[in-house]
Amino acid sequence: MARARSDSPLLFEMVEKPDFSIETKAMADGLWPVAGMDEAGRGPLAGPVVAAAVVLNPANIPEGLDDSKRLTHLQREALFLKILGSALSVSMASISAEGIDNSNILKASLEAMRRAAAGLSLQPKLALADGRDVPPGLACEGRALVKGDQRSQSIAAASIVAKVMRDRMMCGCGGHHAHYGFEVHMGYATVRHRTAIEAHGPVARLHRASFAPFRLGGAEPVEEESFAGLE
């Protein structure tokens, strides 16, 4: 006898959506404003790591906020504009490839988030960071939330801002270095990107020399114009 199929959703089919409950609880505890922080670009072979900090307006939260990785390019771009138009404060910061090489990607990511929080026009009393680590040196209380961009709308907003800004930076790099296709892969280790590195070598101050394959005996970087604007 065949078993009846359950009409209840399976656990692995459930998609967690971010909400404002963590921020609401913080407000009740006297911790307001609350900023969400996230970064984009930890994994690529090239380009900066970019972080954003966002203080949402509780009375005007854009519909559709989510982990930027679960959104399409067009959805991110539309939400980016809505966030900039409705949030109480938004700030962005980045650490260049050289800065990453001089420390490591974790430290650089946390420092970028700290800088973003410090740049807010509205000083937060609580900063929520996506991940397992609280950026050191925050001027307020900090809390780390694993999968925070899927739990907190403030962090989700920051993830969208960081992703959109970094993608725009890498598209700009693509205009300067047509061989590499940065505007397509955003610096990630795609076949096209690795093939271009093998053919033309890494770009100084844009490729991360501390990342494989460069530290495993890759070619010497080719000197190019300064990328100080990505700092």
C-alpha atoms as a PDB file:
ATOM      1  CA  MET A   1       0.000   0.000   0.000  1.00  0.00           C
ATOM      2  CA  ALA A   2       1.466   3.316  -1.058  1.00  0.00           C
ATOM      3  CA  ARG A   3       2.070   5.919   1.627  1.00  0.00           C
ATOM      4  CA  ALA A   4       0.078   9.113   1.344  1.00  0.00           C
ATOM      5  CA  ARG A   5       2.216  12.118   0.419  1.00  0.00           C
ATOM      6  CA  SER A   6       2.326  14.766   3.118  1.00  0.00           C
ATOM      7  CA  ASP A   7       1.238  18.258   2.138  1.00  0.00           C
ATOM      8  CA  SER A   8       3.500  19.755   4.830  1.00  0.00           C
ATOM      9  CA  PRO A   9       6.718  21.415   3.531  1.00  0.00           C
ATOM     10  CA  LEU A  10       9.892  19.471   4.172  1.00  0.00           C
ATOM     11  CA  LEU A  11      12.526  21.081   6.353  1.00  0.00           C
ATOM     12  CA  PHE A  12      15.042  21.334   3.509  1.00  0.00           C
ATOM     13  CA  GLU A  13      12.405  23.043   1.336  1.00  0.00           C
ATOM     14  CA  MET A  14      11.801  25.835   3.832  1.00  0.00           C
ATOM     15  CA  VAL A  15      13.442  29.123   2.912  1.00  0.00           C
ATOM     16  CA  GLU A  16      14.218  31.422   5.805  1.00  0.00           C
ATOM     17  CA  LYS A  17      13.489  35.064   5.049  1.00  0.00           C
ATOM     18  CA  PRO A  18      15.018  37.939   7.004  1.00  0.00           C
ATOM     19  CA  ASP A  19      12.768  40.036   9.213  1.00  0.00           C
ATOM     20  CA  PHE A  20      13.084  42.941  11.641  1.00  0.00           C
ATOM     21  CA  SER A  21      12.559  40.984  14.866  1.00  0.00           C
ATOM     22  CA  ILE A  22      16.162  41.214  16.092  1.00  0.00           C
ATOM     23  CA  GLU A  23      16.144  44.967  15.562  1.00  0.00           C
ATOM     24  CA  THR A  24      12.735  45.320  17.241  1.00  0.00           C
ATOM     25  CA  LYS A  25      14.003  43.448  20.315  1.00  0.00           C
ATOM     26  CA  ALA A  26      17.080  45.668  20.426  1.00  0.00           C
ATOM     27  CA  MET A  27      14.889  48.775  20.251  1.00  0.00           C
ATOM     28  CA  ALA A  28      12.839  47.489  23.196  1.00  0.00           C
ATOM     29  CA  ASP A  29      16.089  47.048  25.118  1.00  0.00           C
ATOM     30  CA  GLY A  30      17.108  50.642  24.456  1.00  0.00           C
ATOM     31  CA  LEU A  31      19.605  49.775  21.730  1.00  0.00           C
ATOM     32  CA  TRP A  32      18.675  52.058  18.881  1.00  0.00           C
ATOM     33  CA  PRO A  33      19.822  52.887  16.242  1.00  0.00           C
ATOM     34  CA  VAL A  34      20.713  49.396  15.001  1.00  0.00           C
ATOM     35  CA  ALA A  35      23.029  48.979  12.011  1.00  0.00           C
ATOM     36  CA  GLY A  36      23.359  45.910   9.843  1.00  0.00           C
ATOM     37  CA  MET A  37      26.804  45.147   8.386  1.00  0.00           C
ATOM     38  CA  ASP A  38      27.936  42.780   5.654  1.00  0.00           C
ATOM     39  CA  GLU A  39      30.653  42.434   3.050  1.00  0.00           C
ATOM     40  CA  ALA A  40      31.061  41.238  -0.516  1.00  0.00           C
ATOM     41  CA  GLY A  41      34.132  39.824  -2.189  1.00  0.00           C
ATOM     42  CA  ARG A  42      35.875  37.493   0.233  1.00  0.00           C
ATOM     43  CA  GLY A  43      36.462  34.750  -2.305  1.00  0.00           C
ATOM     44  CA  PRO A  44      37.602  36.356  -5.589  1.00  0.00           C
ATOM     45  CA  LEU A  45      41.161  36.367  -6.914  1.00  0.00           C
ATOM     46  CA  ALA A  46      40.954  40.064  -7.755  1.00  0.00           C
ATOM     47  CA  GLY A  47      39.492  43.324  -6.549  1.00  0.00           C
ATOM     48  CA  PRO A  48      38.630  44.786  -3.167  1.00  0.00           C
ATOM     49  CA  VAL A  49      36.486  43.435  -0.385  1.00  0.00           C
ATOM     50  CA  VAL A  50      33.594  45.873   0.050  1.00  0.00           C
ATOM     51  CA  ALA A  51      31.491  46.331   3.171  1.00  0.00           C
ATOM     52  CA  ALA A  52      28.326  48.265   3.900  1.00  0.00           C
ATOM     53  CA  ALA A  53      26.519  49.365   7.034  1.00  0.00           C
ATOM     54  CA  VAL A  54      22.826  50.269   6.943  1.00  0.00           C
ATOM     55  CA  VAL A  55      20.418  51.726   9.498  1.00  0.00           C
ATOM     56  CA  LEU A  56      16.948  50.998   8.160  1.00  0.00           C
ATOM     57  CA  ASN A  57      13.927  53.187   8.836  1.00  0.00           C
ATOM     58  CA  PRO A  58      11.533  50.932  10.823  1.00  0.00           C
ATOM     59  CA  ALA A  59       8.599  52.784   9.276  1.00  0.00           C
ATOM     60  CA  ASN A  60       9.830  52.378   5.701  1.00  0.00           C
ATOM     61  CA  ILE A  61      11.547  49.030   5.096  1.00  0.00           C
ATOM     62  CA  PRO A  62      11.765  48.062   1.410  1.00  0.00           C
ATOM     63  CA  GLU A  63       9.863  44.948   0.389  1.00  0.00           C
ATOM     64  CA  GLY A  64      11.918  41.978  -0.785  1.00  0.00           C
ATOM     65  CA  LEU A  65      15.083  42.390   1.288  1.00  0.00           C
ATOM     66  CA  ASP A  66      17.049  39.147   1.314  1.00  0.00           C
ATOM     67  CA  ASP A  67      20.529  37.674   1.201  1.00  0.00           C
ATOM     68  CA  SER A  68      22.061  39.280  -1.902  1.00  0.00           C
ATOM     69  CA  LYS A  69      23.149  35.846  -3.170  1.00  0.00           C
ATOM     70  CA  ARG A  70      19.495  34.801  -3.414  1.00  0.00           C
ATOM     71  CA  LEU A  71      18.566  37.785  -5.572  1.00  0.00           C
ATOM     72  CA  THR A  72      19.049  38.415  -9.267  1.00  0.00           C
ATOM     73  CA  HIS A  73      21.161  41.271 -10.578  1.00  0.00           C
ATOM     74  CA  LEU A  74      18.046  43.288 -11.452  1.00  0.00           C
ATOM     75  CA  GLN A  75      16.486  42.656  -8.039  1.00  0.00           C
ATOM     76  CA  ARG A  76      19.662  43.795  -6.282  1.00  0.00           C
ATOM     77  CA  GLU A  77      19.888  46.951  -8.373  1.00  0.00           C
ATOM     78  CA  ALA A  78      16.253  47.856  -7.684  1.00  0.00           C
ATOM     79  CA  LEU A  79      16.585  47.199  -3.949  1.00  0.00           C
ATOM     80  CA  PHE A  80      19.865  49.135  -3.833  1.00  0.00           C
ATOM     81  CA  LEU A  81      18.047  52.265  -4.977  1.00  0.00           C
ATOM     82  CA  LYS A  82      15.180  51.663  -2.554  1.00  0.00           C
ATOM     83  CA  ILE A  83      17.599  51.219   0.346  1.00  0.00           C
ATOM     84  CA  LEU A  84      19.463  54.427  -0.484  1.00  0.00           C
ATOM     85  CA  GLY A  85      16.149  56.252  -0.758  1.00  0.00           C
ATOM     86  CA  SER A  86      14.578  55.002   2.468  1.00  0.00           C
ATOM     87  CA  ALA A  87      17.290  54.096   5.005  1.00  0.00           C
ATOM     88  CA  LEU A  88      18.166  56.466   7.824  1.00  0.00           C
ATOM     89  CA  SER A  89      21.879  56.054   7.090  1.00  0.00           C
ATOM     90  CA  VAL A  90      24.043  54.083   4.657  1.00  0.00           C
ATOM     91  CA  SER A  91      27.829  53.835   4.569  1.00  0.00           C
ATOM     92  CA  MET A  92      30.302  51.862   2.470  1.00  0.00           C
ATOM     93  CA  ALA A  93      34.007  51.075   2.794  1.00  0.00           C
ATOM     94  CA  SER A  94      36.489  48.792   1.076  1.00  0.00           C
ATOM     95  CA  ILE A  95      39.936  47.283   1.450  1.00  0.00           C
ATOM     96  CA  SER A  96      42.029  46.929  -1.712  1.00  0.00           C
ATOM     97  CA  ALA A  97      43.802  43.805  -2.910  1.00  0.00           C
ATOM     98  CA  GLU A  98      47.034  45.211  -1.477  1.00  0.00           C
ATOM     99  CA  GLY A  99      45.369  45.701   1.894  1.00  0.00           C
ATOM    100  CA  ILE A 100      44.125  42.119   1.798  1.00  0.00           C
ATOM    101  CA  ASP A 101      47.610  40.857   0.949  1.00  0.00           C
ATOM    102  CA  ASN A 102      49.109  42.850   3.817  1.00  0.00           C
ATOM    103  CA  SER A 103      46.858  41.140   6.387  1.00  0.00           C
ATOM    104  CA  ASN A 104      44.425  38.403   5.356  1.00  0.00           C
ATOM    105  CA  ILE A 105      40.945  38.281   3.921  1.00  0.00           C
ATOM    106  CA  LEU A 106      39.192  37.769   7.266  1.00  0.00           C
ATOM    107  CA  LYS A 107      40.927  40.724   8.911  1.00  0.00           C
ATOM    108  CA  ALA A 108      40.368  42.858   5.827  1.00  0.00           C
ATOM    109  CA  SER A 109      36.655  41.984   5.734  1.00  0.00           C
ATOM    110  CA  LEU A 110      36.190  42.852   9.392  1.00  0.00           C
ATOM    111  CA  GLU A 111      38.129  46.094   9.017  1.00  0.00           C
ATOM    112  CA  ALA A 112      35.997  47.083   6.023  1.00  0.00           C
ATOM    113  CA  MET A 113      32.853  46.501   8.122  1.00  0.00           C
ATOM    114  CA  ARG A 114      34.302  48.555  10.991  1.00  0.00           C
ATOM    115  CA  ARG A 115      35.051  51.430   8.598  1.00  0.00           C
ATOM    116  CA  ALA A 116      31.570  51.238   7.124  1.00  0.00           C
ATOM    117  CA  ALA A 117      29.978  51.411  10.576  1.00  0.00           C
ATOM    118  CA  ALA A 118      32.244  54.323  11.530  1.00  0.00           C
ATOM    119  CA  GLY A 119      31.127  56.202   8.420  1.00  0.00           C
ATOM    120  CA  LEU A 120      27.420  56.177   9.283  1.00  0.00           C
ATOM    121  CA  SER A 121      25.915  59.626   9.767  1.00  0.00           C
ATOM    122  CA  LEU A 122      23.721  58.169  12.520  1.00  0.00           C
ATOM    123  CA  GLN A 123      25.807  56.611  15.308  1.00  0.00           C
ATOM    124  CA  PRO A 124      24.414  53.125  16.082  1.00  0.00           C
ATOM    125  CA  LYS A 125      24.135  51.698  19.575  1.00  0.00           C
ATOM    126  CA  LEU A 126      24.209  48.154  18.188  1.00  0.00           C
ATOM    127  CA  ALA A 127      25.870  46.793  15.052  1.00  0.00           C
ATOM    128  CA  LEU A 128      24.844  43.399  13.679  1.00  0.00           C
ATOM    129  CA  ALA A 129      27.532  41.653  11.623  1.00  0.00           C
ATOM    130  CA  ASP A 130      26.944  38.787   9.232  1.00  0.00           C
ATOM    131  CA  GLY A 131      29.081  35.767  10.110  1.00  0.00           C
ATOM    132  CA  ARG A 132      30.826  34.456  13.193  1.00  0.00           C
ATOM    133  CA  ASP A 133      33.042  37.424  14.050  1.00  0.00           C
ATOM    134  CA  VAL A 134      32.424  40.902  15.429  1.00  0.00           C
ATOM    135  CA  PRO A 135      34.677  43.501  13.796  1.00  0.00           C
ATOM    136  CA  PRO A 136      37.194  44.725  16.394  1.00  0.00           C
ATOM    137  CA  GLY A 137      37.235  48.427  17.189  1.00  0.00           C
ATOM    138  CA  LEU A 138      33.530  49.172  16.808  1.00  0.00           C
ATOM    139  CA  ALA A 139      32.363  52.309  18.603  1.00  0.00           C
ATOM    140  CA  CYS A 140      29.238  50.494  19.819  1.00  0.00           C
ATOM    141  CA  GLU A 141      28.090  47.067  20.919  1.00  0.00           C
ATOM    142  CA  GLY A 142      28.504  44.441  18.216  1.00  0.00           C
ATOM    143  CA  ARG A 143      26.882  41.073  17.638  1.00  0.00           C
ATOM    144  CA  ALA A 144      27.727  38.421  15.055  1.00  0.00           C
ATOM    145  CA  LEU A 145      24.898  36.487  13.424  1.00  0.00           C
ATOM    146  CA  VAL A 146      25.588  33.335  11.417  1.00  0.00           C
ATOM    147  CA  LYS A 147      23.574  33.583   8.187  1.00  0.00           C
ATOM    148  CA  GLY A 148      22.635  37.049   9.365  1.00  0.00           C
ATOM    149  CA  ASP A 149      21.703  38.155   5.847  1.00  0.00           C
ATOM    150  CA  GLN A 150      18.947  35.511   5.950  1.00  0.00           C
ATOM    151  CA  ARG A 151      17.769  36.526   9.432  1.00  0.00           C
ATOM    152  CA  SER A 152      18.058  40.302   9.747  1.00  0.00           C
ATOM    153  CA  GLN A 153      16.661  42.778   7.255  1.00  0.00           C
ATOM    154  CA  SER A 154      19.315  45.305   8.264  1.00  0.00           C
ATOM    155  CA  ILE A 155      22.108  42.863   7.412  1.00  0.00           C
ATOM    156  CA  ALA A 156      20.313  41.826   4.215  1.00  0.00           C
ATOM    157  CA  ALA A 157      20.181  45.482   3.176  1.00  0.00           C
ATOM    158  CA  ALA A 158      23.905  45.827   3.866  1.00  0.00           C
ATOM    159  CA  SER A 159      24.637  42.699   1.842  1.00  0.00           C
ATOM    160  CA  ILE A 160      22.795  44.150  -1.150  1.00  0.00           C
ATOM    161  CA  VAL A 161      24.560  47.520  -0.941  1.00  0.00           C
ATOM    162  CA  ALA A 162      27.983  45.878  -0.608  1.00  0.00           C
ATOM    163  CA  LYS A 163      27.357  43.479  -3.500  1.00  0.00           C
ATOM    164  CA  VAL A 164      26.048  46.144  -5.881  1.00  0.00           C
ATOM    165  CA  MET A 165      28.904  48.523  -5.112  1.00  0.00           C
ATOM    166  CA  ARG A 166      31.565  45.854  -5.546  1.00  0.00           C
ATOM    167  CA  ASP A 167      30.051  44.643  -8.813  1.00  0.00           C
ATOM    168  CA  ARG A 168      30.120  48.221 -10.130  1.00  0.00           C
ATOM    169  CA  MET A 169      33.769  48.561  -9.142  1.00  0.00           C
ATOM    170  CA  MET A 170      34.672  45.349 -10.944  1.00  0.00           C
ATOM    171  CA  CYS A 171      32.751  46.422 -14.043  1.00  0.00           C
ATOM    172  CA  GLY A 172      34.870  49.567 -14.015  1.00  0.00           C
ATOM    173  CA  CYS A 173      37.983  47.407 -13.836  1.00  0.00           C
ATOM    174  CA  GLY A 174      36.692  45.445 -16.811  1.00  0.00           C
ATOM    175  CA  GLY A 175      36.657  48.641 -18.829  1.00  0.00           C
ATOM    176  CA  HIS A 176      40.367  49.155 -18.105  1.00  0.00           C
ATOM    177  CA  HIS A 177      41.432  45.514 -18.558  1.00  0.00           C
ATOM    178  CA  ALA A 178      39.363  44.008 -21.348  1.00  0.00           C
ATOM    179  CA  HIS A 179      41.404  40.783 -21.480  1.00  0.00           C
ATOM    180  CA  TYR A 180      40.212  39.585 -18.063  1.00  0.00           C
ATOM    181  CA  GLY A 181      36.425  39.917 -18.232  1.00  0.00           C
ATOM    182  CA  PHE A 182      36.050  41.370 -14.747  1.00  0.00           C
ATOM    183  CA  GLU A 183      32.624  42.744 -15.673  1.00  0.00           C
ATOM    184  CA  VAL A 184      31.434  39.140 -16.159  1.00  0.00           C
ATOM    185  CA  HIS A 185      32.981  37.159 -13.289  1.00  0.00           C
ATOM    186  CA  MET A 186      33.697  40.024 -10.820  1.00  0.00           C
ATOM    187  CA  GLY A 187      37.150  38.628 -10.097  1.00  0.00           C
ATOM    188  CA  TYR A 188      36.120  35.105  -9.135  1.00  0.00           C
ATOM    189  CA  ALA A 189      38.211  32.119 -10.235  1.00  0.00           C
ATOM    190  CA  THR A 190      36.251  31.176 -13.343  1.00  0.00           C
ATOM    191  CA  VAL A 191      37.838  29.327 -16.244  1.00  0.00           C
ATOM    192  CA  ARG A 192      37.840  32.545 -18.278  1.00  0.00           C
ATOM    193  CA  HIS A 193      39.572  34.443 -15.493  1.00  0.00           C
ATOM    194  CA  ARG A 194      42.225  31.782 -14.866  1.00  0.00           C
ATOM    195  CA  THR A 195      42.890  31.484 -18.602  1.00  0.00           C
ATOM    196  CA  ALA A 196      43.378  35.254 -18.842  1.00  0.00           C
ATOM    197  CA  ILE A 197      45.790  35.209 -15.896  1.00  0.00           C
ATOM    198  CA  GLU A 198      47.813  32.448 -17.550  1.00  0.00           C
ATOM    199  CA  ALA A 199      47.921  34.386 -20.825  1.00  0.00           C
ATOM    200  CA  HIS A 200      48.500  37.920 -19.547  1.00  0.00           C
ATOM    201  CA  GLY A 201      49.673  37.553 -15.951  1.00  0.00           C
ATOM    202  CA  PRO A 202      48.088  39.117 -12.868  1.00  0.00           C
ATOM    203  CA  VAL A 203      47.473  42.879 -12.655  1.00  0.00           C
ATOM    204  CA  ALA A 204      49.470  44.624  -9.949  1.00  0.00           C
ATOM    205  CA  ARG A 205      47.382  46.103  -7.119  1.00  0.00           C
ATOM    206  CA  LEU A 206      44.238  44.463  -8.491  1.00  0.00           C
ATOM    207  CA  HIS A 207      44.928  40.731  -8.226  1.00  0.00           C
ATOM    208  CA  ARG A 208      45.405  39.346  -4.720  1.00  0.00           C
ATOM    209  CA  ALA A 209      48.995  38.138  -4.659  1.00  0.00           C
ATOM    210  CA  SER A 210      48.441  36.203  -1.423  1.00  0.00           C
ATOM    211  CA  PHE A 211      45.746  34.039  -3.026  1.00  0.00           C
ATOM    212  CA  ALA A 212      46.301  30.865  -5.046  1.00  0.00           C
ATOM    213  CA  PRO A 213      47.404  30.506  -7.793  1.00  0.00           C
ATOM    214  CA  PHE A 214      49.730  33.509  -7.366  1.00  0.00           C
ATOM    215  CA  ARG A 215      51.422  32.369  -4.153  1.00  0.00           C
ATOM    216  CA  LEU A 216      51.926  28.961  -5.732  1.00  0.00           C
ATOM    217  CA  GLY A 217      54.339  30.269  -8.317  1.00  0.00           C
ATOM    218  CA  GLY A 218      52.205  32.371 -10.642  1.00  0.00           C
ATOM    219  CA  ALA A 219      53.635  34.994 -12.961  1.00  0.00           C
ATOM    220  CA  GLU A 220      54.882  38.337 -11.672  1.00  0.00           C
ATOM    221  CA  PRO A 221      52.204  41.061 -11.703  1.00  0.00           C
ATOM    222  CA  VAL A 222      52.206  43.389 -14.685  1.00  0.00           C
ATOM    223  CA  GLU A 223      52.497  47.025 -13.593  1.00  0.00           C
ATOM    224  CA  GLU A 224      49.352  48.966 -14.428  1.00  0.00           C
ATOM    225  CA  GLU A 225      47.806  52.281 -13.455  1.00  0.00           C
ATOM    226  CA  SER A 226      46.987  52.891  -9.807  1.00  0.00           C
ATOM    227  CA  PHE A 227      43.748  51.500  -8.390  1.00  0.00           C
ATOM    228  CA  ALA A 228      43.717  53.778  -5.333  1.00  0.00           C
ATOM    229  CA  GLY A 229      40.063  54.524  -6.072  1.00  0.00           C
ATOM    230  CA  LEU A 230      39.178  51.006  -4.925  1.00  0.00           C
ATOM    231  CA  GLU A 231      40.514  51.593  -1.432  1.00  0.00           C
END
